Amino acid sequence: MVLNIPKPPLAGSNFSVQLDGYTGAGKLAVYVAGQRLLEKDCPDPPCHEMVFLTRDLAGRELKVIGTAMGQSISKTFRINIKESEGGAMMAG
């Protein structure tokens, strides 16, 4: 199971994520500063979603959690304001 994230999170733009490499049902959840921004149940793979990150979210922590087959995987980022700053991935 893998979380595919084509671009790091950038305030003022869309953030997309896809959960791949699993069978059966899956679930994606996106949290910003500990608050759930999105949760989606997917009846079959792949599970993909896009969410708009408003500019006021710059500098906050974004966590993506994918769940399937009784397992979960997560990635944590800092939401950046400028595309040239890239996406700082945090441990965890």
C-alpha atoms as a PDB file:
ATOM      1  CA  MET A   1       0.000   0.000   0.000  1.00  0.00           C
ATOM      2  CA  VAL A   2       1.358   3.424  -0.941  1.00  0.00           C
ATOM      3  CA  LEU A   3       0.280   7.069  -0.746  1.00  0.00           C
ATOM      4  CA  ASN A   4       0.999   8.874  -4.013  1.00  0.00           C
ATOM      5  CA  ILE A   5       1.290  12.627  -3.603  1.00  0.00           C
ATOM      6  CA  PRO A   6       2.353  14.290  -6.870  1.00  0.00           C
ATOM      7  CA  LYS A   7       3.077  17.748  -5.376  1.00  0.00           C
ATOM      8  CA  PRO A   8       3.777  18.931  -1.836  1.00  0.00           C
ATOM      9  CA  PRO A   9       0.982  20.921  -0.172  1.00  0.00           C
ATOM     10  CA  LEU A  10       0.916  24.568  -1.191  1.00  0.00           C
ATOM     11  CA  ALA A  11      -1.387  27.155   0.387  1.00  0.00           C
ATOM     12  CA  GLY A  12      -3.765  28.685  -2.141  1.00  0.00           C
ATOM     13  CA  SER A  13      -3.837  25.619  -4.405  1.00  0.00           C
ATOM     14  CA  ASN A  14      -5.271  22.135  -4.795  1.00  0.00           C
ATOM     15  CA  PHE A  15      -3.646  19.211  -2.978  1.00  0.00           C
ATOM     16  CA  SER A  16      -4.154  15.749  -4.414  1.00  0.00           C
ATOM     17  CA  VAL A  17      -3.476  12.327  -2.943  1.00  0.00           C
ATOM     18  CA  GLN A  18      -4.024   8.767  -4.132  1.00  0.00           C
ATOM     19  CA  LEU A  19      -3.922   5.498  -2.187  1.00  0.00           C
ATOM     20  CA  ASP A  20      -2.684   2.565  -4.323  1.00  0.00           C
ATOM     21  CA  GLY A  21      -1.460  -0.981  -3.917  1.00  0.00           C
ATOM     22  CA  TYR A  22      -4.312  -2.501  -1.960  1.00  0.00           C
ATOM     23  CA  THR A  23      -7.363  -4.670  -2.520  1.00  0.00           C
ATOM     24  CA  GLY A  24     -10.916  -4.236  -1.280  1.00  0.00           C
ATOM     25  CA  ALA A  25     -12.176  -1.059   0.349  1.00  0.00           C
ATOM     26  CA  GLY A  26      -9.920   1.827   1.397  1.00  0.00           C
ATOM     27  CA  LYS A  27     -10.146   5.169   3.132  1.00  0.00           C
ATOM     28  CA  LEU A  28      -8.316   8.489   2.835  1.00  0.00           C
ATOM     29  CA  ALA A  29      -8.238  11.170   5.515  1.00  0.00           C
ATOM     30  CA  VAL A  30      -6.575  14.598   5.439  1.00  0.00           C
ATOM     31  CA  TYR A  31      -5.965  16.610   8.611  1.00  0.00           C
ATOM     32  CA  VAL A  32      -4.671  20.173   8.969  1.00  0.00           C
ATOM     33  CA  ALA A  33      -3.382  21.199  12.393  1.00  0.00           C
ATOM     34  CA  GLY A  34      -5.153  18.196  13.899  1.00  0.00           C
ATOM     35  CA  GLN A  35      -8.563  19.054  12.408  1.00  0.00           C
ATOM     36  CA  ARG A  36     -10.112  16.730   9.828  1.00  0.00           C
ATOM     37  CA  LEU A  37     -10.354  18.479   6.481  1.00  0.00           C
ATOM     38  CA  LEU A  38     -11.444  15.455   4.432  1.00  0.00           C
ATOM     39  CA  GLU A  39     -12.409  11.816   4.873  1.00  0.00           C
ATOM     40  CA  LYS A  40     -13.379   9.582   1.966  1.00  0.00           C
ATOM     41  CA  ASP A  41     -14.379   5.922   1.837  1.00  0.00           C
ATOM     42  CA  CYS A  42     -13.479   4.144  -1.386  1.00  0.00           C
ATOM     43  CA  PRO A  43     -15.246   0.885  -2.293  1.00  0.00           C
ATOM     44  CA  ASP A  44     -12.361  -0.197  -4.564  1.00  0.00           C
ATOM     45  CA  PRO A  45      -8.864   0.969  -5.564  1.00  0.00           C
ATOM     46  CA  PRO A  46      -7.469   3.394  -6.313  1.00  0.00           C
ATOM     47  CA  CYS A  47      -8.711   5.858  -3.729  1.00  0.00           C
ATOM     48  CA  HIS A  48      -8.003   9.429  -4.814  1.00  0.00           C
ATOM     49  CA  GLU A  49      -9.090  12.859  -3.717  1.00  0.00           C
ATOM     50  CA  MET A  50      -8.299  16.537  -4.206  1.00  0.00           C
ATOM     51  CA  VAL A  51      -8.821  19.309  -1.661  1.00  0.00           C
ATOM     52  CA  PHE A  52      -8.224  23.062  -1.883  1.00  0.00           C
ATOM     53  CA  LEU A  53      -5.838  24.472   0.731  1.00  0.00           C
ATOM     54  CA  THR A  54      -6.685  28.098   1.475  1.00  0.00           C
ATOM     55  CA  ARG A  55      -3.860  30.619   1.871  1.00  0.00           C
ATOM     56  CA  ASP A  56      -4.469  30.968   5.619  1.00  0.00           C
ATOM     57  CA  LEU A  57      -3.299  27.348   6.088  1.00  0.00           C
ATOM     58  CA  ALA A  58       0.315  28.250   5.206  1.00  0.00           C
ATOM     59  CA  GLY A  59       2.771  27.011   7.806  1.00  0.00           C
ATOM     60  CA  ARG A  60       0.408  24.484   9.342  1.00  0.00           C
ATOM     61  CA  GLU A  61       0.913  20.729   9.515  1.00  0.00           C
ATOM     62  CA  LEU A  62      -0.944  18.566   7.007  1.00  0.00           C
ATOM     63  CA  LYS A  63      -1.272  14.833   7.650  1.00  0.00           C
ATOM     64  CA  VAL A  64      -2.590  12.294   5.158  1.00  0.00           C
ATOM     65  CA  ILE A  65      -3.700   8.850   6.335  1.00  0.00           C
ATOM     66  CA  GLY A  66      -4.571   5.965   4.041  1.00  0.00           C
ATOM     67  CA  THR A  67      -6.246   2.853   5.455  1.00  0.00           C
ATOM     68  CA  ALA A  68      -6.934  -0.489   3.756  1.00  0.00           C
ATOM     69  CA  MET A  69      -6.598  -4.205   4.411  1.00  0.00           C
ATOM     70  CA  GLY A  70      -6.449  -3.607   8.175  1.00  0.00           C
ATOM     71  CA  GLN A  71      -3.335  -1.411   7.844  1.00  0.00           C
ATOM     72  CA  SER A  72      -2.680   2.302   7.666  1.00  0.00           C
ATOM     73  CA  ILE A  73       0.013   4.497   6.191  1.00  0.00           C
ATOM     74  CA  SER A  74       0.570   8.205   6.774  1.00  0.00           C
ATOM     75  CA  LYS A  75       2.659  11.141   5.593  1.00  0.00           C
ATOM     76  CA  THR A  76       3.044  14.503   7.291  1.00  0.00           C
ATOM     77  CA  PHE A  77       3.966  17.795   5.623  1.00  0.00           C
ATOM     78  CA  ARG A  78       4.254  21.493   6.382  1.00  0.00           C
ATOM     79  CA  ILE A  79       1.982  23.560   4.091  1.00  0.00           C
ATOM     80  CA  ASN A  80       4.111  26.071   2.203  1.00  0.00           C
ATOM     81  CA  ILE A  81       3.148  29.452   0.793  1.00  0.00           C
ATOM     82  CA  LYS A  82       5.436  29.590  -2.245  1.00  0.00           C
ATOM     83  CA  GLU A  83       5.909  26.838  -4.772  1.00  0.00           C
ATOM     84  CA  SER A  84       9.645  27.615  -4.917  1.00  0.00           C
ATOM     85  CA  GLU A  85       9.928  26.657  -1.228  1.00  0.00           C
ATOM     86  CA  GLY A  86       9.001  23.057  -2.038  1.00  0.00           C
ATOM     87  CA  GLY A  87       7.275  20.814   0.478  1.00  0.00           C
ATOM     88  CA  ALA A  88       9.011  20.065   3.699  1.00  0.00           C
ATOM     89  CA  MET A  89       8.126  16.510   4.623  1.00  0.00           C
ATOM     90  CA  MET A  90       8.119  15.906   8.339  1.00  0.00           C
ATOM     91  CA  ALA A  91       9.072  12.653  10.037  1.00  0.00           C
ATOM     92  CA  GLY A  92       6.135  10.560  11.126  1.00  0.00           C
END
